[in-house]
Amino acid sequence: PGLLTAFGREDPNMRCGAARALGIIRDPAALDRLLQAARDEDSGVRQAAVEALGMIRDPRSVGTLGAALKDGASPVRYAAAKALERLGDPQALHALVTAVKDKNWGVHWAALKAVEKIRHAQDKPER
């Protein structure tokens, strides 16, 4: 509960730290708070929340992570592409293919890598 209450603080460093800690401990109970934090006014908090969602790997975060690929801050877009790569969910392909056209090379390459990973996983035969 202590980490979750940090999201109510005015200090973005507190919110950012809480998001990072929740990602590290991979607390699935924090999913709703992290989904909200991914839309925080502070880009550092959004980035930390997106990274945490990638660590938790809950498929319910795919929509929020896909939306983060359109964020105004390139570090958030990059983190979203990396998080979607970790999730490996084919539902993210459309958003990732669009992100491959991102003008920021880091975002471009992260999105391209995620698309390749997901498509490769789809091509593998079931055992």
N, C-alpha and C. Protein backbone atom coordinates (compact mmCIF):
# COMPACT_ATOMS: atom_id res chain seq x y z
N PRO A 1 0.80 -1.21 0.00
CA PRO A 1 0.00 0.00 0.00
C PRO A 1 0.84 1.27 0.00
N GLY A 2 2.00 1.26 0.62
CA GLY A 2 2.84 2.45 0.69
C GLY A 2 3.26 2.94 -0.68
N LEU A 3 3.66 2.03 -1.54
CA LEU A 3 4.06 2.42 -2.88
C LEU A 3 2.87 2.96 -3.66
N LEU A 4 1.73 2.37 -3.48
CA LEU A 4 0.55 2.81 -4.22
C LEU A 4 0.12 4.21 -3.80
N THR A 5 0.31 4.54 -2.53
CA THR A 5 -0.08 5.88 -2.09
C THR A 5 0.86 6.95 -2.63
N ALA A 6 2.06 6.57 -3.03
CA ALA A 6 3.01 7.53 -3.58
C ALA A 6 2.51 8.14 -4.88
N PHE A 7 1.60 7.46 -5.56
CA PHE A 7 1.06 8.01 -6.81
C PHE A 7 0.19 9.24 -6.57
N GLY A 8 -0.26 9.43 -5.34
CA GLY A 8 -1.06 10.60 -5.00
C GLY A 8 -0.22 11.82 -4.65
N ARG A 9 1.06 11.68 -4.62
CA ARG A 9 1.96 12.78 -4.24
C ARG A 9 2.13 13.76 -5.40
N GLU A 10 2.38 15.02 -5.06
CA GLU A 10 2.63 16.03 -6.08
C GLU A 10 4.00 15.86 -6.72
N ASP A 11 4.96 15.38 -5.96
CA ASP A 11 6.34 15.26 -6.44
C ASP A 11 6.44 14.14 -7.49
N PRO A 12 6.77 14.50 -8.73
CA PRO A 12 6.87 13.47 -9.77
C PRO A 12 7.98 12.45 -9.48
N ASN A 13 8.99 12.86 -8.73
CA ASN A 13 10.05 11.90 -8.40
C ASN A 13 9.52 10.78 -7.51
N MET A 14 8.59 11.12 -6.63
CA MET A 14 7.97 10.09 -5.77
C MET A 14 7.14 9.13 -6.62
N ARG A 15 6.35 9.69 -7.56
CA ARG A 15 5.51 8.85 -8.42
C ARG A 15 6.37 7.98 -9.33
N CYS A 16 7.44 8.55 -9.83
CA CYS A 16 8.38 7.82 -10.69
C CYS A 16 9.03 6.68 -9.92
N GLY A 17 9.50 6.96 -8.73
CA GLY A 17 10.14 5.94 -7.90
C GLY A 17 9.18 4.82 -7.55
N ALA A 18 7.93 5.17 -7.26
CA ALA A 18 6.93 4.15 -6.94
C ALA A 18 6.69 3.25 -8.14
N ALA A 19 6.57 3.83 -9.32
CA ALA A 19 6.34 3.03 -10.53
C ALA A 19 7.51 2.09 -10.78
N ARG A 20 8.72 2.60 -10.64
CA ARG A 20 9.91 1.74 -10.86
C ARG A 20 9.94 0.59 -9.85
N ALA A 21 9.67 0.90 -8.60
CA ALA A 21 9.70 -0.14 -7.56
C ALA A 21 8.63 -1.20 -7.82
N LEU A 22 7.45 -0.78 -8.22
CA LEU A 22 6.38 -1.75 -8.50
C LEU A 22 6.73 -2.63 -9.69
N GLY A 23 7.45 -2.09 -10.65
CA GLY A 23 7.91 -2.91 -11.78
C GLY A 23 8.95 -3.92 -11.35
N ILE A 24 9.85 -3.48 -10.50
CA ILE A 24 10.92 -4.37 -10.03
C ILE A 24 10.34 -5.55 -9.25
N ILE A 25 9.36 -5.27 -8.39
CA ILE A 25 8.79 -6.37 -7.60
C ILE A 25 7.68 -7.10 -8.36
N ARG A 26 7.35 -6.58 -9.53
CA ARG A 26 6.35 -7.21 -10.42
C ARG A 26 5.03 -7.49 -9.69
N ASP A 27 4.51 -6.46 -9.07
CA ASP A 27 3.29 -6.59 -8.28
C ASP A 27 2.07 -6.46 -9.19
N PRO A 28 1.38 -7.57 -9.49
CA PRO A 28 0.21 -7.49 -10.37
C PRO A 28 -0.94 -6.69 -9.75
N ALA A 29 -0.96 -6.54 -8.44
CA ALA A 29 -2.00 -5.75 -7.79
C ALA A 29 -1.86 -4.26 -8.12
N ALA A 30 -0.73 -3.87 -8.63
CA ALA A 30 -0.48 -2.47 -8.96
C ALA A 30 -0.88 -2.11 -10.38
N LEU A 31 -1.40 -3.06 -11.13
CA LEU A 31 -1.68 -2.84 -12.54
C LEU A 31 -2.53 -1.59 -12.79
N ASP A 32 -3.64 -1.45 -12.08
CA ASP A 32 -4.53 -0.31 -12.31
C ASP A 32 -3.82 1.02 -12.07
N ARG A 33 -3.05 1.10 -11.01
CA ARG A 33 -2.31 2.33 -10.71
C ARG A 33 -1.27 2.64 -11.79
N LEU A 34 -0.60 1.60 -12.27
CA LEU A 34 0.41 1.81 -13.31
C LEU A 34 -0.24 2.21 -14.63
N LEU A 35 -1.40 1.65 -14.92
CA LEU A 35 -2.11 2.05 -16.14
C LEU A 35 -2.49 3.53 -16.07
N GLN A 36 -2.88 4.00 -14.89
CA GLN A 36 -3.17 5.42 -14.71
C GLN A 36 -1.90 6.25 -14.82
N ALA A 37 -0.82 5.77 -14.20
CA ALA A 37 0.44 6.51 -14.21
C ALA A 37 1.02 6.63 -15.61
N ALA A 38 0.67 5.70 -16.49
CA ALA A 38 1.15 5.77 -17.87
C ALA A 38 0.56 6.98 -18.61
N ARG A 39 -0.43 7.63 -17.98
CA ARG A 39 -1.03 8.84 -18.55
C ARG A 39 -0.74 10.07 -17.67
N ASP A 40 0.24 9.97 -16.80
CA ASP A 40 0.60 11.06 -15.89
C ASP A 40 1.04 12.29 -16.69
N GLU A 41 0.93 13.45 -16.08
CA GLU A 41 1.34 14.69 -16.75
C GLU A 41 2.86 14.77 -16.92
N ASP A 42 3.61 14.05 -16.10
CA ASP A 42 5.07 14.09 -16.13
C ASP A 42 5.60 12.95 -17.00
N SER A 43 6.41 13.27 -17.99
CA SER A 43 6.91 12.24 -18.91
C SER A 43 7.79 11.21 -18.21
N GLY A 44 8.51 11.60 -17.17
CA GLY A 44 9.34 10.65 -16.43
C GLY A 44 8.50 9.61 -15.71
N VAL A 45 7.37 10.05 -15.18
CA VAL A 45 6.45 9.13 -14.51
C VAL A 45 5.83 8.19 -15.55
N ARG A 46 5.44 8.76 -16.70
CA ARG A 46 4.87 7.92 -17.77
C ARG A 46 5.87 6.86 -18.20
N GLN A 47 7.11 7.26 -18.39
CA GLN A 47 8.15 6.32 -18.81
C GLN A 47 8.34 5.22 -17.77
N ALA A 48 8.43 5.58 -16.51
CA ALA A 48 8.62 4.59 -15.44
C ALA A 48 7.43 3.64 -15.36
N ALA A 49 6.22 4.17 -15.53
CA ALA A 49 5.03 3.33 -15.49
C ALA A 49 5.00 2.36 -16.66
N VAL A 50 5.35 2.83 -17.83
CA VAL A 50 5.37 1.98 -19.03
C VAL A 50 6.43 0.88 -18.86
N GLU A 51 7.59 1.24 -18.34
CA GLU A 51 8.63 0.23 -18.10
C GLU A 51 8.14 -0.81 -17.10
N ALA A 52 7.47 -0.35 -16.04
CA ALA A 52 6.94 -1.27 -15.03
C ALA A 52 5.89 -2.20 -15.62
N LEU A 53 5.03 -1.67 -16.48
CA LEU A 53 4.02 -2.52 -17.13
C LEU A 53 4.69 -3.60 -17.97
N GLY A 54 5.79 -3.25 -18.61
CA GLY A 54 6.54 -4.25 -19.38
C GLY A 54 7.14 -5.33 -18.50
N MET A 55 7.54 -4.97 -17.30
CA MET A 55 8.10 -5.95 -16.37
C MET A 55 7.02 -6.87 -15.81
N ILE A 56 5.84 -6.33 -15.58
CA ILE A 56 4.75 -7.13 -15.03
C ILE A 56 4.16 -8.08 -16.08
N ARG A 57 4.19 -7.65 -17.34
CA ARG A 57 3.77 -8.49 -18.48
C ARG A 57 2.32 -8.96 -18.41
N ASP A 58 1.44 -8.09 -18.02
CA ASP A 58 0.01 -8.43 -17.99
C ASP A 58 -0.60 -8.03 -19.33
N PRO A 59 -1.28 -8.96 -20.00
CA PRO A 59 -1.85 -8.64 -21.31
C PRO A 59 -2.88 -7.50 -21.28
N ARG A 60 -3.43 -7.20 -20.12
CA ARG A 60 -4.39 -6.09 -20.03
C ARG A 60 -3.73 -4.73 -20.26
N SER A 61 -2.41 -4.68 -20.28
CA SER A 61 -1.72 -3.41 -20.49
C SER A 61 -1.43 -3.11 -21.95
N VAL A 62 -1.76 -4.03 -22.85
CA VAL A 62 -1.42 -3.85 -24.27
C VAL A 62 -2.00 -2.56 -24.84
N GLY A 63 -3.25 -2.27 -24.55
CA GLY A 63 -3.87 -1.05 -25.09
C GLY A 63 -3.19 0.21 -24.61
N THR A 64 -2.88 0.27 -23.33
CA THR A 64 -2.21 1.44 -22.77
C THR A 64 -0.80 1.58 -23.34
N LEU A 65 -0.11 0.46 -23.48
CA LEU A 65 1.25 0.51 -24.05
C LEU A 65 1.21 0.90 -25.52
N GLY A 66 0.20 0.42 -26.24
CA GLY A 66 0.05 0.83 -27.64
C GLY A 66 -0.19 2.32 -27.76
N ALA A 67 -1.00 2.87 -26.87
CA ALA A 67 -1.25 4.31 -26.86
C ALA A 67 0.02 5.07 -26.52
N ALA A 68 0.86 4.51 -25.65
CA ALA A 68 2.10 5.17 -25.25
C ALA A 68 3.09 5.27 -26.42
N LEU A 69 2.90 4.46 -27.45
CA LEU A 69 3.75 4.56 -28.63
C LEU A 69 3.54 5.88 -29.37
N LYS A 70 2.47 6.60 -29.02
CA LYS A 70 2.17 7.89 -29.66
C LYS A 70 2.46 9.06 -28.72
N ASP A 71 3.09 8.78 -27.58
CA ASP A 71 3.38 9.82 -26.60
C ASP A 71 4.28 10.89 -27.21
N GLY A 72 4.17 12.11 -26.71
CA GLY A 72 5.00 13.20 -27.21
C GLY A 72 6.46 13.10 -26.82
N ALA A 73 6.77 12.29 -25.82
CA ALA A 73 8.15 12.13 -25.35
C ALA A 73 8.75 10.83 -25.91
N SER A 74 9.84 10.94 -26.62
CA SER A 74 10.43 9.75 -27.24
C SER A 74 10.88 8.70 -26.23
N PRO A 75 11.36 9.06 -25.02
CA PRO A 75 11.71 8.00 -24.07
C PRO A 75 10.50 7.15 -23.67
N VAL A 76 9.32 7.76 -23.63
CA VAL A 76 8.11 7.00 -23.31
C VAL A 76 7.78 6.06 -24.46
N ARG A 77 7.88 6.55 -25.69
CA ARG A 77 7.60 5.71 -26.87
C ARG A 77 8.58 4.53 -26.93
N TYR A 78 9.84 4.81 -26.66
CA TYR A 78 10.86 3.75 -26.66
C TYR A 78 10.53 2.70 -25.59
N ALA A 79 10.20 3.16 -24.39
CA ALA A 79 9.87 2.25 -23.30
C ALA A 79 8.64 1.41 -23.66
N ALA A 80 7.67 2.02 -24.34
CA ALA A 80 6.47 1.29 -24.74
C ALA A 80 6.80 0.19 -25.75
N ALA A 81 7.66 0.49 -26.71
CA ALA A 81 8.05 -0.52 -27.70
C ALA A 81 8.78 -1.68 -27.02
N LYS A 82 9.68 -1.36 -26.09
CA LYS A 82 10.40 -2.41 -25.37
C LYS A 82 9.45 -3.24 -24.51
N ALA A 83 8.48 -2.58 -23.86
CA ALA A 83 7.51 -3.29 -23.02
C ALA A 83 6.65 -4.22 -23.87
N LEU A 84 6.22 -3.74 -25.04
CA LEU A 84 5.40 -4.58 -25.91
C LEU A 84 6.21 -5.76 -26.46
N GLU A 85 7.49 -5.54 -26.67
CA GLU A 85 8.35 -6.67 -27.07
C GLU A 85 8.36 -7.73 -25.97
N ARG A 86 8.48 -7.31 -24.72
CA ARG A 86 8.48 -8.26 -23.60
C ARG A 86 7.17 -9.02 -23.51
N LEU A 87 6.06 -8.32 -23.73
CA LEU A 87 4.76 -8.98 -23.67
C LEU A 87 4.58 -9.96 -24.82
N GLY A 88 5.06 -9.59 -25.99
CA GLY A 88 4.97 -10.48 -27.14
C GLY A 88 3.55 -10.76 -27.61
N ASP A 89 2.64 -9.85 -27.34
CA ASP A 89 1.23 -10.05 -27.67
C ASP A 89 0.95 -9.61 -29.10
N PRO A 90 0.42 -10.51 -29.95
CA PRO A 90 0.13 -10.16 -31.34
C PRO A 90 -0.86 -9.00 -31.49
N GLN A 91 -1.66 -8.72 -30.45
CA GLN A 91 -2.60 -7.60 -30.52
C GLN A 91 -1.87 -6.26 -30.65
N ALA A 92 -0.61 -6.23 -30.31
CA ALA A 92 0.17 -4.99 -30.36
C ALA A 92 0.79 -4.74 -31.73
N LEU A 93 0.69 -5.69 -32.64
CA LEU A 93 1.39 -5.58 -33.92
C LEU A 93 1.02 -4.32 -34.70
N HIS A 94 -0.25 -4.00 -34.80
CA HIS A 94 -0.65 -2.83 -35.59
C HIS A 94 0.02 -1.56 -35.06
N ALA A 95 -0.06 -1.36 -33.75
CA ALA A 95 0.55 -0.16 -33.15
C ALA A 95 2.06 -0.17 -33.33
N LEU A 96 2.68 -1.33 -33.21
CA LEU A 96 4.14 -1.42 -33.37
C LEU A 96 4.56 -1.16 -34.81
N VAL A 97 3.81 -1.68 -35.76
CA VAL A 97 4.14 -1.44 -37.18
C VAL A 97 4.07 0.05 -37.48
N THR A 98 3.10 0.72 -36.91
CA THR A 98 3.01 2.18 -37.08
C THR A 98 4.21 2.85 -36.43
N ALA A 99 4.62 2.37 -35.26
CA ALA A 99 5.75 2.98 -34.55
C ALA A 99 7.09 2.76 -35.26
N VAL A 100 7.15 1.77 -36.13
CA VAL A 100 8.39 1.55 -36.90
C VAL A 100 8.69 2.80 -37.74
N LYS A 101 7.68 3.58 -38.06
CA LYS A 101 7.86 4.80 -38.87
C LYS A 101 8.25 6.01 -38.01
N ASP A 102 8.44 5.81 -36.71
CA ASP A 102 8.79 6.91 -35.80
C ASP A 102 10.08 7.58 -36.26
N LYS A 103 10.13 8.91 -36.16
CA LYS A 103 11.31 9.66 -36.59
C LYS A 103 12.49 9.48 -35.65
N ASN A 104 12.23 9.07 -34.41
CA ASN A 104 13.31 8.81 -33.46
C ASN A 104 13.86 7.42 -33.74
N TRP A 105 15.15 7.33 -34.01
CA TRP A 105 15.74 6.04 -34.40
C TRP A 105 15.65 4.99 -33.30
N GLY A 106 15.79 5.41 -32.05
CA GLY A 106 15.69 4.46 -30.96
C GLY A 106 14.31 3.82 -30.91
N VAL A 107 13.28 4.63 -31.07
CA VAL A 107 11.91 4.13 -31.09
C VAL A 107 11.71 3.24 -32.31
N HIS A 108 12.19 3.70 -33.46
CA HIS A 108 12.09 2.93 -34.70
C HIS A 108 12.66 1.53 -34.52
N TRP A 109 13.88 1.43 -34.02
CA TRP A 109 14.54 0.14 -33.89
C TRP A 109 13.89 -0.73 -32.81
N ALA A 110 13.46 -0.13 -31.72
CA ALA A 110 12.78 -0.90 -30.67
C ALA A 110 11.46 -1.48 -31.19
N ALA A 111 10.73 -0.68 -31.95
CA ALA A 111 9.46 -1.15 -32.52
C ALA A 111 9.71 -2.25 -33.55
N LEU A 112 10.73 -2.05 -34.37
CA LEU A 112 11.06 -3.06 -35.39
C LEU A 112 11.45 -4.38 -34.74
N LYS A 113 12.25 -4.31 -33.70
CA LYS A 113 12.66 -5.52 -32.98
C LYS A 113 11.45 -6.23 -32.36
N ALA A 114 10.52 -5.45 -31.81
CA ALA A 114 9.32 -6.03 -31.21
C ALA A 114 8.46 -6.72 -32.26
N VAL A 115 8.29 -6.07 -33.41
CA VAL A 115 7.51 -6.67 -34.50
C VAL A 115 8.14 -7.98 -34.94
N GLU A 116 9.45 -7.98 -35.13
CA GLU A 116 10.14 -9.20 -35.55
C GLU A 116 9.98 -10.32 -34.52
N LYS A 117 10.11 -9.99 -33.25
CA LYS A 117 9.98 -11.00 -32.20
C LYS A 117 8.57 -11.61 -32.19
N ILE A 118 7.57 -10.77 -32.27
CA ILE A 118 6.19 -11.26 -32.23
C ILE A 118 5.88 -12.08 -33.47
N ARG A 119 6.29 -11.61 -34.63
CA ARG A 119 6.04 -12.36 -35.87
C ARG A 119 6.79 -13.69 -35.87
N HIS A 120 8.00 -13.68 -35.37
CA HIS A 120 8.78 -14.93 -35.28
C HIS A 120 8.08 -15.93 -34.37
N ALA A 121 7.56 -15.46 -33.25
CA ALA A 121 6.84 -16.34 -32.32
C ALA A 121 5.58 -16.90 -32.97
N GLN A 122 4.93 -16.11 -33.81
CA GLN A 122 3.73 -16.58 -34.51
C GLN A 122 4.07 -17.65 -35.54
N ASP A 123 5.27 -17.56 -36.13
CA ASP A 123 5.67 -18.52 -37.15
C ASP A 123 6.10 -19.86 -36.60
N LYS A 124 6.39 -19.92 -35.28
CA LYS A 124 6.83 -21.17 -34.67
C LYS A 124 5.65 -22.12 -34.58
N PRO A 125 5.85 -23.38 -34.95
CA PRO A 125 4.77 -24.35 -34.82
C PRO A 125 4.51 -24.70 -33.36
N GLU A 126 3.24 -24.96 -33.05
CA GLU A 126 2.87 -25.38 -31.69
C GLU A 126 3.46 -26.76 -31.41
N ARG A 127 3.86 -26.97 -30.17
CA ARG A 127 4.41 -28.30 -29.80
C ARG A 127 3.40 -29.08 -29.05
